């Protein structure tokens, strides 16, 4: 019995020694890598992260994606001539790029007498797999009804439209589309 306990104690002592050596080696490795880190030098210029050819190829690929994946249901011809991508189209683009999004903040204003929604503002962040992100902000108001739009269900439609606009804007900005979504034009 004493022999078994001695083996256990020896084993624990060896484990402690191994652990201490591992910690020391990790500390040495960390010091070695920290010594190799070169602080970023401030520069007055924003620089390309890829070659011009890579940027051009990515843009052309994006144009091909739009013509290959988007259907007539995903695009609206504004005033019969200017194409603008609808919510469904931006969601397809987000899916193709592996983007995720989340609501950063929202503000919903209600009529103090009726309690009905009169305006909504959303801030939505779209995030790419590489960590790059863009933030979109958009509003929708009951006053848009005076401009030819009508809301059958304003408590839902105003909130949903503001959210859709902000999300679509964040996606468009993140992929570098520079386009106005259909929901912003209506």
N, C-alpha and C. Protein backbone atom coordinates (compact mmCIF):
# COMPACT_ATOMS: atom_id res chain seq x y z
N UNK A 1 0.82 -1.18 0.00
CA UNK A 1 0.00 0.00 0.00
C UNK A 1 0.87 1.25 0.00
N UNK A 2 1.92 1.25 0.81
CA UNK A 2 2.82 2.38 0.85
C UNK A 2 3.49 2.59 -0.50
N UNK A 3 3.82 1.49 -1.17
CA UNK A 3 4.48 1.56 -2.48
C UNK A 3 3.56 2.24 -3.50
N UNK A 4 2.28 1.93 -3.47
CA UNK A 4 1.31 2.51 -4.39
C UNK A 4 1.18 4.02 -4.17
N UNK A 5 1.12 4.42 -2.90
CA UNK A 5 1.00 5.85 -2.59
C UNK A 5 2.26 6.59 -3.03
N UNK A 6 3.44 5.96 -2.86
CA UNK A 6 4.70 6.57 -3.26
C UNK A 6 4.72 6.78 -4.77
N UNK A 7 4.22 5.79 -5.55
CA UNK A 7 4.16 5.92 -7.01
C UNK A 7 3.23 7.08 -7.40
N UNK A 8 2.09 7.18 -6.69
CA UNK A 8 1.15 8.28 -6.97
C UNK A 8 1.81 9.63 -6.69
N UNK A 9 2.53 9.73 -5.60
CA UNK A 9 3.19 10.98 -5.23
C UNK A 9 4.30 11.31 -6.24
N UNK A 10 5.07 10.28 -6.64
CA UNK A 10 6.12 10.49 -7.63
C UNK A 10 5.52 10.94 -8.97
N UNK A 11 4.41 10.31 -9.33
CA UNK A 11 3.74 10.67 -10.58
C UNK A 11 3.29 12.13 -10.54
N UNK A 12 2.68 12.54 -9.42
CA UNK A 12 2.20 13.92 -9.28
C UNK A 12 3.37 14.91 -9.30
N UNK A 13 4.46 14.54 -8.66
CA UNK A 13 5.64 15.41 -8.65
C UNK A 13 6.19 15.57 -10.07
N UNK A 14 6.24 14.45 -10.82
CA UNK A 14 6.69 14.52 -12.22
C UNK A 14 5.73 15.37 -13.06
N UNK A 15 4.43 15.21 -12.82
CA UNK A 15 3.44 15.99 -13.56
C UNK A 15 3.60 17.48 -13.27
N UNK A 16 3.83 17.82 -12.00
CA UNK A 16 4.05 19.22 -11.63
C UNK A 16 5.30 19.77 -12.32
N UNK A 17 6.37 18.95 -12.34
CA UNK A 17 7.62 19.36 -12.97
C UNK A 17 7.40 19.58 -14.46
N UNK A 18 6.67 18.63 -15.12
CA UNK A 18 6.37 18.75 -16.55
C UNK A 18 5.55 20.01 -16.82
N UNK A 19 4.59 20.26 -15.96
CA UNK A 19 3.73 21.44 -16.13
C UNK A 19 4.55 22.72 -16.00
N UNK A 20 5.43 22.77 -14.99
CA UNK A 20 6.28 23.94 -14.78
C UNK A 20 7.19 24.19 -15.99
N UNK A 21 7.74 23.10 -16.55
CA UNK A 21 8.59 23.22 -17.74
C UNK A 21 7.79 23.72 -18.94
N UNK A 22 6.55 23.23 -19.07
CA UNK A 22 5.68 23.66 -20.17
C UNK A 22 5.35 25.15 -20.05
N UNK A 23 5.04 25.59 -18.84
CA UNK A 23 4.74 27.00 -18.62
C UNK A 23 5.95 27.86 -18.96
N UNK A 24 7.14 27.42 -18.51
CA UNK A 24 8.36 28.17 -18.78
C UNK A 24 8.62 28.25 -20.28
N UNK A 25 8.43 27.12 -20.99
CA UNK A 25 8.64 27.11 -22.43
C UNK A 25 7.64 28.04 -23.12
N UNK A 26 6.37 28.00 -22.70
CA UNK A 26 5.37 28.89 -23.29
C UNK A 26 5.72 30.35 -23.06
N UNK A 27 6.20 30.67 -21.86
CA UNK A 27 6.61 32.05 -21.57
C UNK A 27 7.77 32.46 -22.47
N UNK A 28 8.72 31.55 -22.68
CA UNK A 28 9.85 31.85 -23.57
C UNK A 28 9.36 32.04 -25.00
N UNK A 29 8.43 31.19 -25.45
CA UNK A 29 7.88 31.32 -26.79
C UNK A 29 7.16 32.66 -26.96
N UNK A 30 6.39 33.02 -25.96
CA UNK A 30 5.65 34.28 -26.02
C UNK A 30 6.63 35.45 -26.12
N UNK A 31 7.68 35.45 -25.27
CA UNK A 31 8.69 36.51 -25.33
C UNK A 31 9.35 36.55 -26.70
N UNK A 32 9.64 35.37 -27.26
CA UNK A 32 10.28 35.30 -28.58
C UNK A 32 9.37 35.92 -29.65
N UNK A 33 8.08 35.56 -29.65
CA UNK A 33 7.15 36.08 -30.65
C UNK A 33 6.87 37.56 -30.43
N UNK A 34 6.77 38.00 -29.17
CA UNK A 34 6.55 39.42 -28.90
C UNK A 34 7.73 40.25 -29.41
N UNK A 35 8.93 39.71 -29.32
CA UNK A 35 10.11 40.44 -29.80
C UNK A 35 10.08 40.59 -31.32
N UNK A 36 9.37 39.69 -32.00
CA UNK A 36 9.31 39.75 -33.46
C UNK A 36 8.19 40.64 -33.97
N UNK A 37 7.28 41.05 -33.11
CA UNK A 37 6.16 41.89 -33.54
C UNK A 37 6.69 43.28 -33.84
N UNK A 38 6.38 43.72 -35.03
CA UNK A 38 6.78 45.07 -35.44
C UNK A 38 5.53 45.93 -35.40
N UNK A 39 5.54 46.98 -34.60
CA UNK A 39 4.35 47.83 -34.53
C UNK A 39 4.05 48.45 -35.89
N UNK A 40 2.77 48.59 -36.19
CA UNK A 40 2.36 49.20 -37.45
C UNK A 40 2.83 50.65 -37.47
N UNK A 41 3.37 51.03 -38.57
CA UNK A 41 3.84 52.41 -38.72
C UNK A 41 2.70 53.25 -39.27
N UNK A 42 2.43 54.38 -38.63
CA UNK A 42 1.35 55.22 -39.13
C UNK A 42 1.66 55.70 -40.54
N UNK A 43 0.65 55.74 -41.34
CA UNK A 43 0.80 56.17 -42.72
C UNK A 43 -0.33 57.14 -43.03
N UNK A 44 -0.04 58.11 -43.82
CA UNK A 44 -1.06 59.07 -44.20
C UNK A 44 -1.99 58.55 -45.28
N UNK A 45 -1.71 57.38 -45.81
CA UNK A 45 -2.49 56.86 -46.92
C UNK A 45 -3.18 55.54 -46.54
N UNK A 46 -4.39 55.39 -47.03
CA UNK A 46 -5.07 54.10 -46.96
C UNK A 46 -4.58 53.32 -48.18
N UNK A 47 -4.15 52.10 -47.96
CA UNK A 47 -3.53 51.34 -49.04
C UNK A 47 -4.39 50.16 -49.45
N UNK A 48 -4.21 49.73 -50.68
CA UNK A 48 -4.91 48.57 -51.21
C UNK A 48 -4.53 47.32 -50.42
N UNK A 49 -5.50 46.46 -50.20
CA UNK A 49 -5.22 45.19 -49.52
C UNK A 49 -5.06 44.06 -50.51
N UNK A 50 -5.24 44.38 -51.79
CA UNK A 50 -5.05 43.39 -52.85
C UNK A 50 -4.57 44.14 -54.09
N UNK A 51 -4.20 43.40 -55.09
CA UNK A 51 -3.75 44.03 -56.32
C UNK A 51 -4.95 44.60 -57.09
N UNK A 52 -4.67 45.48 -58.00
CA UNK A 52 -5.73 46.06 -58.84
C UNK A 52 -6.41 44.95 -59.63
N UNK A 53 -5.63 43.99 -60.10
CA UNK A 53 -6.20 42.88 -60.88
C UNK A 53 -7.15 42.05 -60.02
N UNK A 54 -6.77 41.81 -58.75
CA UNK A 54 -7.65 41.05 -57.84
C UNK A 54 -8.93 41.83 -57.56
N UNK A 55 -8.82 43.13 -57.37
CA UNK A 55 -10.00 43.96 -57.11
C UNK A 55 -10.93 43.95 -58.32
N UNK A 56 -10.36 44.08 -59.50
CA UNK A 56 -11.15 44.08 -60.73
C UNK A 56 -11.84 42.72 -60.91
N UNK A 57 -11.11 41.65 -60.67
CA UNK A 57 -11.68 40.31 -60.81
C UNK A 57 -12.82 40.10 -59.81
N UNK A 58 -12.65 40.58 -58.58
CA UNK A 58 -13.70 40.44 -57.57
C UNK A 58 -14.95 41.22 -57.97
N UNK A 59 -14.76 42.42 -58.48
CA UNK A 59 -15.91 43.23 -58.91
C UNK A 59 -16.64 42.56 -60.08
N UNK A 60 -15.88 42.06 -61.05
CA UNK A 60 -16.50 41.37 -62.18
C UNK A 60 -17.24 40.11 -61.73
N UNK A 61 -16.66 39.42 -60.76
CA UNK A 61 -17.30 38.22 -60.21
C UNK A 61 -18.61 38.60 -59.51
N UNK A 62 -18.60 39.73 -58.82
CA UNK A 62 -19.82 40.21 -58.16
C UNK A 62 -20.89 40.53 -59.21
N UNK A 63 -20.51 41.17 -60.29
CA UNK A 63 -21.47 41.46 -61.36
C UNK A 63 -22.04 40.17 -61.95
N UNK A 64 -21.17 39.17 -62.12
CA UNK A 64 -21.62 37.88 -62.64
C UNK A 64 -22.56 37.20 -61.65
N UNK A 65 -22.25 37.31 -60.36
CA UNK A 65 -23.13 36.75 -59.33
C UNK A 65 -24.52 37.35 -59.45
N UNK A 66 -24.59 38.67 -59.59
CA UNK A 66 -25.89 39.33 -59.68
C UNK A 66 -26.68 38.84 -60.89
N UNK A 67 -26.03 38.74 -62.03
CA UNK A 67 -26.76 38.31 -63.23
C UNK A 67 -27.08 36.82 -63.22
N UNK A 68 -26.31 36.04 -62.46
CA UNK A 68 -26.54 34.60 -62.41
C UNK A 68 -27.56 34.18 -61.36
N UNK A 69 -27.60 34.87 -60.24
CA UNK A 69 -28.41 34.43 -59.10
C UNK A 69 -29.71 35.22 -58.97
N UNK A 70 -29.66 36.50 -59.25
CA UNK A 70 -30.87 37.31 -59.09
C UNK A 70 -31.84 37.08 -60.23
N UNK A 71 -33.11 37.01 -59.88
CA UNK A 71 -34.16 36.84 -60.89
C UNK A 71 -34.94 38.15 -61.03
N UNK A 72 -35.89 38.16 -61.93
CA UNK A 72 -36.72 39.35 -62.12
C UNK A 72 -37.47 39.71 -60.84
N UNK A 73 -37.76 38.71 -60.02
CA UNK A 73 -38.47 38.96 -58.76
C UNK A 73 -37.57 39.65 -57.73
N UNK A 74 -36.25 39.58 -57.91
CA UNK A 74 -35.30 40.16 -56.97
C UNK A 74 -34.90 41.59 -57.34
N UNK A 75 -35.32 42.05 -58.52
CA UNK A 75 -34.92 43.36 -59.01
C UNK A 75 -36.15 44.12 -59.48
N UNK A 76 -36.18 45.41 -59.16
CA UNK A 76 -37.28 46.27 -59.60
C UNK A 76 -36.70 47.34 -60.52
N UNK A 77 -37.37 47.59 -61.63
CA UNK A 77 -36.94 48.67 -62.50
C UNK A 77 -37.62 49.95 -62.04
N UNK A 78 -36.85 50.80 -61.37
CA UNK A 78 -37.37 52.04 -60.83
C UNK A 78 -37.66 53.00 -61.96
N UNK A 79 -38.89 53.48 -62.02
CA UNK A 79 -39.37 54.36 -63.08
C UNK A 79 -39.10 53.75 -64.45
N UNK A 80 -39.15 52.41 -64.47
CA UNK A 80 -39.04 51.68 -65.73
C UNK A 80 -37.65 51.55 -66.30
N UNK A 81 -36.64 52.11 -65.66
CA UNK A 81 -35.31 52.06 -66.28
C UNK A 81 -34.16 51.76 -65.34
N UNK A 82 -34.20 52.22 -64.10
CA UNK A 82 -33.08 52.03 -63.19
C UNK A 82 -33.30 50.78 -62.34
N UNK A 83 -32.47 49.75 -62.51
CA UNK A 83 -32.66 48.54 -61.70
C UNK A 83 -32.22 48.77 -60.25
N UNK A 84 -33.04 48.29 -59.33
CA UNK A 84 -32.67 48.33 -57.92
C UNK A 84 -33.00 46.97 -57.31
N UNK A 85 -32.10 46.50 -56.48
CA UNK A 85 -32.23 45.17 -55.90
C UNK A 85 -33.19 45.22 -54.71
N UNK A 86 -34.11 44.26 -54.69
CA UNK A 86 -35.07 44.13 -53.60
C UNK A 86 -34.47 43.35 -52.44
N UNK A 87 -35.22 43.29 -51.36
CA UNK A 87 -34.80 42.57 -50.15
C UNK A 87 -34.36 41.14 -50.47
N UNK A 88 -35.14 40.42 -51.27
CA UNK A 88 -34.80 39.03 -51.58
C UNK A 88 -33.45 38.93 -52.28
N UNK A 89 -33.15 39.89 -53.13
CA UNK A 89 -31.87 39.90 -53.83
C UNK A 89 -30.70 40.14 -52.89
N UNK A 90 -30.87 41.09 -51.97
CA UNK A 90 -29.79 41.36 -51.00
C UNK A 90 -29.57 40.17 -50.09
N UNK A 91 -30.65 39.44 -49.77
CA UNK A 91 -30.48 38.25 -48.93
C UNK A 91 -29.72 37.16 -49.67
N UNK A 92 -29.97 37.02 -50.97
CA UNK A 92 -29.22 36.04 -51.77
C UNK A 92 -27.74 36.42 -51.83
N UNK A 93 -27.47 37.71 -52.01
CA UNK A 93 -26.08 38.18 -52.07
C UNK A 93 -25.40 37.93 -50.72
N UNK A 94 -26.09 38.24 -49.63
CA UNK A 94 -25.53 38.01 -48.29
C UNK A 94 -25.22 36.53 -48.10
N UNK A 95 -26.11 35.67 -48.55
CA UNK A 95 -25.90 34.23 -48.42
C UNK A 95 -24.69 33.78 -49.24
N UNK A 96 -24.57 34.29 -50.45
CA UNK A 96 -23.46 33.90 -51.33
C UNK A 96 -22.11 34.31 -50.74
N UNK A 97 -22.06 35.45 -50.04
CA UNK A 97 -20.83 35.93 -49.43
C UNK A 97 -20.62 35.39 -48.02
N UNK A 98 -21.59 34.64 -47.49
CA UNK A 98 -21.47 34.11 -46.14
C UNK A 98 -21.57 35.19 -45.07
N UNK A 99 -22.34 36.23 -45.35
CA UNK A 99 -22.47 37.34 -44.41
C UNK A 99 -23.49 37.02 -43.32
N UNK A 100 -23.25 37.55 -42.16
CA UNK A 100 -24.23 37.48 -41.10
C UNK A 100 -24.55 38.92 -40.70
N UNK A 101 -25.62 39.09 -39.94
CA UNK A 101 -25.97 40.44 -39.54
C UNK A 101 -26.64 40.41 -38.18
N UNK A 102 -26.64 41.57 -37.54
CA UNK A 102 -27.37 41.68 -36.29
C UNK A 102 -27.84 43.12 -36.11
N UNK A 103 -28.88 43.26 -35.33
CA UNK A 103 -29.42 44.58 -35.03
C UNK A 103 -28.57 45.18 -33.92
N UNK A 104 -27.96 46.32 -34.21
CA UNK A 104 -27.15 47.02 -33.21
C UNK A 104 -28.06 47.82 -32.29
N UNK A 105 -29.03 48.51 -32.89
CA UNK A 105 -29.99 49.26 -32.09
C UNK A 105 -31.24 49.51 -32.92
N UNK A 106 -32.31 49.82 -32.21
CA UNK A 106 -33.55 50.18 -32.88
C UNK A 106 -34.30 51.17 -31.99
N UNK A 107 -35.00 52.07 -32.66
CA UNK A 107 -35.83 53.04 -31.95
C UNK A 107 -37.19 53.04 -32.62
N UNK A 108 -38.20 52.80 -31.85
CA UNK A 108 -39.57 52.77 -32.38
C UNK A 108 -40.37 53.86 -31.67
N UNK A 109 -40.84 54.81 -32.45
CA UNK A 109 -41.63 55.90 -31.89
C UNK A 109 -43.11 55.60 -32.12
N UNK A 110 -43.90 55.85 -31.09
CA UNK A 110 -45.34 55.60 -31.15
C UNK A 110 -46.11 56.90 -30.92
N UNK A 111 -47.29 56.93 -31.47
CA UNK A 111 -48.19 58.05 -31.23
C UNK A 111 -48.57 58.00 -29.75
N UNK A 112 -48.35 59.10 -29.03
CA UNK A 112 -48.63 59.06 -27.58
C UNK A 112 -50.11 58.85 -27.25
N UNK A 113 -51.01 59.16 -28.17
CA UNK A 113 -52.44 59.01 -27.91
C UNK A 113 -52.92 57.61 -28.27
N UNK A 114 -52.57 57.15 -29.48
CA UNK A 114 -53.08 55.85 -29.96
C UNK A 114 -52.16 54.68 -29.64
N UNK A 115 -50.87 54.98 -29.44
CA UNK A 115 -49.91 53.90 -29.21
C UNK A 115 -49.44 53.23 -30.49
N UNK A 116 -49.93 53.69 -31.63
CA UNK A 116 -49.55 53.10 -32.93
C UNK A 116 -48.15 53.56 -33.33
N UNK A 117 -47.44 52.71 -34.04
CA UNK A 117 -46.10 53.03 -34.52
C UNK A 117 -46.20 54.16 -35.55
N UNK A 118 -45.35 55.18 -35.37
CA UNK A 118 -45.32 56.27 -36.35
C UNK A 118 -43.96 56.37 -37.04
N UNK A 119 -42.92 55.80 -36.41
CA UNK A 119 -41.60 55.85 -37.02
C UNK A 119 -40.70 54.78 -36.38
N UNK A 120 -39.82 54.24 -37.19
CA UNK A 120 -38.85 53.26 -36.69
C UNK A 120 -37.50 53.54 -37.34
N UNK A 121 -36.45 53.40 -36.55
CA UNK A 121 -35.08 53.55 -37.03
C UNK A 121 -34.28 52.34 -36.56
N UNK A 122 -33.56 51.74 -37.48
CA UNK A 122 -32.73 50.58 -37.17
C UNK A 122 -31.29 50.84 -37.54
N UNK A 123 -30.38 50.30 -36.75
CA UNK A 123 -28.96 50.25 -37.07
C UNK A 123 -28.62 48.77 -37.13
N UNK A 124 -28.16 48.32 -38.29
CA UNK A 124 -27.86 46.90 -38.51
C UNK A 124 -26.42 46.76 -38.96
N UNK A 125 -25.72 45.80 -38.41
CA UNK A 125 -24.34 45.53 -38.80
C UNK A 125 -24.29 44.22 -39.58
N UNK A 126 -23.67 44.28 -40.76
CA UNK A 126 -23.41 43.09 -41.56
C UNK A 126 -21.95 42.72 -41.38
N UNK A 127 -21.68 41.43 -41.19
CA UNK A 127 -20.34 40.96 -40.88
C UNK A 127 -19.91 39.89 -41.88
N UNK A 128 -18.71 40.07 -42.43
CA UNK A 128 -18.15 39.11 -43.38
C UNK A 128 -17.32 38.06 -42.63
N UNK A 129 -17.11 36.90 -43.23
CA UNK A 129 -16.32 35.86 -42.57
C UNK A 129 -14.89 36.31 -42.21
N UNK A 130 -14.35 37.29 -42.93
CA UNK A 130 -12.99 37.76 -42.63
C UNK A 130 -12.95 38.80 -41.51
N UNK A 131 -14.11 39.12 -40.92
CA UNK A 131 -14.16 40.07 -39.82
C UNK A 131 -14.51 41.48 -40.23
N UNK A 132 -14.49 41.78 -41.50
CA UNK A 132 -14.84 43.12 -41.98
C UNK A 132 -16.34 43.30 -41.78
N UNK A 133 -16.76 44.52 -41.44
CA UNK A 133 -18.18 44.77 -41.24
C UNK A 133 -18.56 46.16 -41.71
N UNK A 134 -19.82 46.34 -41.94
CA UNK A 134 -20.41 47.63 -42.28
C UNK A 134 -21.68 47.78 -41.49
N UNK A 135 -21.99 49.01 -41.17
CA UNK A 135 -23.18 49.32 -40.41
C UNK A 135 -24.12 50.13 -41.29
N UNK A 136 -25.37 49.72 -41.34
CA UNK A 136 -26.39 50.45 -42.10
C UNK A 136 -27.41 51.02 -41.14
N UNK A 137 -27.86 52.23 -41.43
CA UNK A 137 -28.89 52.87 -40.63
C UNK A 137 -30.00 53.31 -41.56
N UNK A 138 -31.24 53.10 -41.12
CA UNK A 138 -32.37 53.49 -41.96
C UNK A 138 -33.61 53.69 -41.10
N UNK A 139 -34.51 54.49 -41.62
CA UNK A 139 -35.77 54.78 -40.94
C UNK A 139 -36.94 54.57 -41.88
N UNK A 140 -38.10 54.49 -41.29
CA UNK A 140 -39.35 54.49 -42.04
C UNK A 140 -40.36 55.22 -41.16
N UNK A 141 -41.20 56.01 -41.79
CA UNK A 141 -42.14 56.84 -41.05
C UNK A 141 -43.54 56.76 -41.64
N UNK A 142 -44.54 56.96 -40.78
CA UNK A 142 -45.93 57.00 -41.23
C UNK A 142 -46.14 58.14 -42.23
N UNK A 143 -45.29 59.15 -42.17
CA UNK A 143 -45.39 60.29 -43.06
C UNK A 143 -45.06 59.93 -44.51
N UNK A 144 -44.43 58.80 -44.73
CA UNK A 144 -44.18 58.36 -46.10
C UNK A 144 -45.49 58.06 -46.81
N UNK A 145 -46.54 57.77 -46.06
CA UNK A 145 -47.84 57.51 -46.66
C UNK A 145 -48.35 58.72 -47.42
N UNK A 146 -47.98 59.90 -46.98
CA UNK A 146 -48.39 61.14 -47.66
C UNK A 146 -47.71 61.28 -49.01
N UNK A 147 -46.64 60.55 -49.21
CA UNK A 147 -45.88 60.62 -50.46
C UNK A 147 -46.31 59.52 -51.43
N UNK A 148 -47.52 59.04 -51.29
CA UNK A 148 -48.04 58.05 -52.22
C UNK A 148 -47.97 56.62 -51.73
N UNK A 149 -47.39 56.41 -50.59
CA UNK A 149 -47.30 55.05 -50.05
C UNK A 149 -48.38 54.90 -48.98
N UNK A 150 -48.93 53.71 -48.90
CA UNK A 150 -49.92 53.48 -47.84
C UNK A 150 -49.48 52.29 -47.00
N UNK A 151 -49.79 52.35 -45.73
CA UNK A 151 -49.46 51.27 -44.80
C UNK A 151 -50.77 50.64 -44.34
N UNK A 152 -51.00 49.41 -44.74
CA UNK A 152 -52.20 48.70 -44.27
C UNK A 152 -52.04 48.30 -42.81
N UNK A 153 -50.83 47.89 -42.46
CA UNK A 153 -50.52 47.44 -41.10
C UNK A 153 -49.30 48.21 -40.60
N UNK A 154 -49.48 49.49 -40.25
CA UNK A 154 -48.32 50.33 -39.93
C UNK A 154 -47.49 49.82 -38.75
N UNK A 155 -48.10 49.18 -37.76
CA UNK A 155 -47.32 48.71 -36.62
C UNK A 155 -46.29 47.67 -37.04
N UNK A 156 -46.59 46.93 -38.07
CA UNK A 156 -45.63 45.94 -38.59
C UNK A 156 -44.80 46.52 -39.73
N UNK A 157 -45.47 47.12 -40.70
CA UNK A 157 -44.79 47.54 -41.93
C UNK A 157 -43.72 48.60 -41.71
N UNK A 158 -43.97 49.55 -40.84
CA UNK A 158 -42.99 50.61 -40.59
C UNK A 158 -41.73 50.01 -39.97
N UNK A 159 -41.90 49.13 -39.00
CA UNK A 159 -40.75 48.49 -38.34
C UNK A 159 -40.01 47.59 -39.34
N UNK A 160 -40.75 46.76 -40.07
CA UNK A 160 -40.11 45.83 -41.01
C UNK A 160 -39.39 46.57 -42.13
N UNK A 161 -39.98 47.65 -42.62
CA UNK A 161 -39.35 48.40 -43.71
C UNK A 161 -38.07 49.07 -43.24
N UNK A 162 -38.08 49.66 -42.05
CA UNK A 162 -36.86 50.28 -41.52
C UNK A 162 -35.76 49.24 -41.35
N UNK A 163 -36.13 48.07 -40.83
CA UNK A 163 -35.15 47.00 -40.64
C UNK A 163 -34.59 46.53 -41.98
N UNK A 164 -35.47 46.31 -42.95
CA UNK A 164 -35.04 45.86 -44.28
C UNK A 164 -34.11 46.87 -44.92
N UNK A 165 -34.46 48.13 -44.83
CA UNK A 165 -33.60 49.17 -45.43
C UNK A 165 -32.21 49.18 -44.80
N UNK A 166 -32.16 49.13 -43.47
CA UNK A 166 -30.86 49.17 -42.79
C UNK A 166 -30.03 47.94 -43.11
N UNK A 167 -30.66 46.78 -43.12
CA UNK A 167 -29.96 45.52 -43.40
C UNK A 167 -29.45 45.50 -44.84
N UNK A 168 -30.29 45.88 -45.78
CA UNK A 168 -29.88 45.90 -47.19
C UNK A 168 -28.75 46.89 -47.42
N UNK A 169 -28.82 48.04 -46.75
CA UNK A 169 -27.77 49.04 -46.89
C UNK A 169 -26.45 48.51 -46.34
N UNK A 170 -26.48 47.85 -45.20
CA UNK A 170 -25.25 47.29 -44.62
C UNK A 170 -24.65 46.23 -45.54
N UNK A 171 -25.49 45.37 -46.11
CA UNK A 171 -25.01 44.33 -47.03
C UNK A 171 -24.41 44.97 -48.27
N UNK A 172 -25.12 45.93 -48.87
CA UNK A 172 -24.64 46.59 -50.08
C UNK A 172 -23.30 47.28 -49.83
N UNK A 173 -23.19 47.97 -48.72
CA UNK A 173 -21.93 48.65 -48.40
C UNK A 173 -20.80 47.66 -48.17
N UNK A 174 -21.10 46.55 -47.50
CA UNK A 174 -20.07 45.57 -47.19
C UNK A 174 -19.51 44.91 -48.45
N UNK A 175 -20.36 44.61 -49.40
CA UNK A 175 -19.88 43.97 -50.63
C UNK A 175 -19.42 44.98 -51.67
N UNK A 176 -19.50 46.26 -51.32
CA UNK A 176 -19.01 47.30 -52.21
C UNK A 176 -19.91 47.57 -53.39
N UNK A 177 -21.20 47.30 -53.24
CA UNK A 177 -22.11 47.47 -54.36
C UNK A 177 -22.42 48.94 -54.64
N UNK A 178 -22.51 49.74 -53.60
CA UNK A 178 -22.80 51.15 -53.80
C UNK A 178 -24.15 51.41 -54.45
N UNK A 179 -25.08 50.52 -54.23
CA UNK A 179 -26.40 50.63 -54.84
C UNK A 179 -27.45 50.96 -53.80
N UNK A 180 -28.48 51.63 -54.23
CA UNK A 180 -29.61 51.92 -53.36
C UNK A 180 -30.62 50.79 -53.54
N UNK A 181 -31.10 50.25 -52.43
CA UNK A 181 -32.05 49.15 -52.52
C UNK A 181 -33.43 49.67 -52.91
N UNK A 182 -34.23 48.79 -53.44
CA UNK A 182 -35.59 49.12 -53.85
C UNK A 182 -36.38 49.71 -52.69
N UNK A 183 -36.22 49.13 -51.50
CA UNK A 183 -36.99 49.57 -50.34
C UNK A 183 -36.66 51.01 -49.94
N UNK A 184 -35.47 51.48 -50.31
CA UNK A 184 -35.13 52.86 -50.02
C UNK A 184 -35.78 53.81 -51.02
N UNK A 185 -36.08 53.29 -52.19
CA UNK A 185 -36.67 54.15 -53.23
C UNK A 185 -38.19 54.23 -53.13
N UNK A 186 -38.81 53.20 -52.56
CA UNK A 186 -40.28 53.20 -52.56
C UNK A 186 -40.85 54.18 -51.56
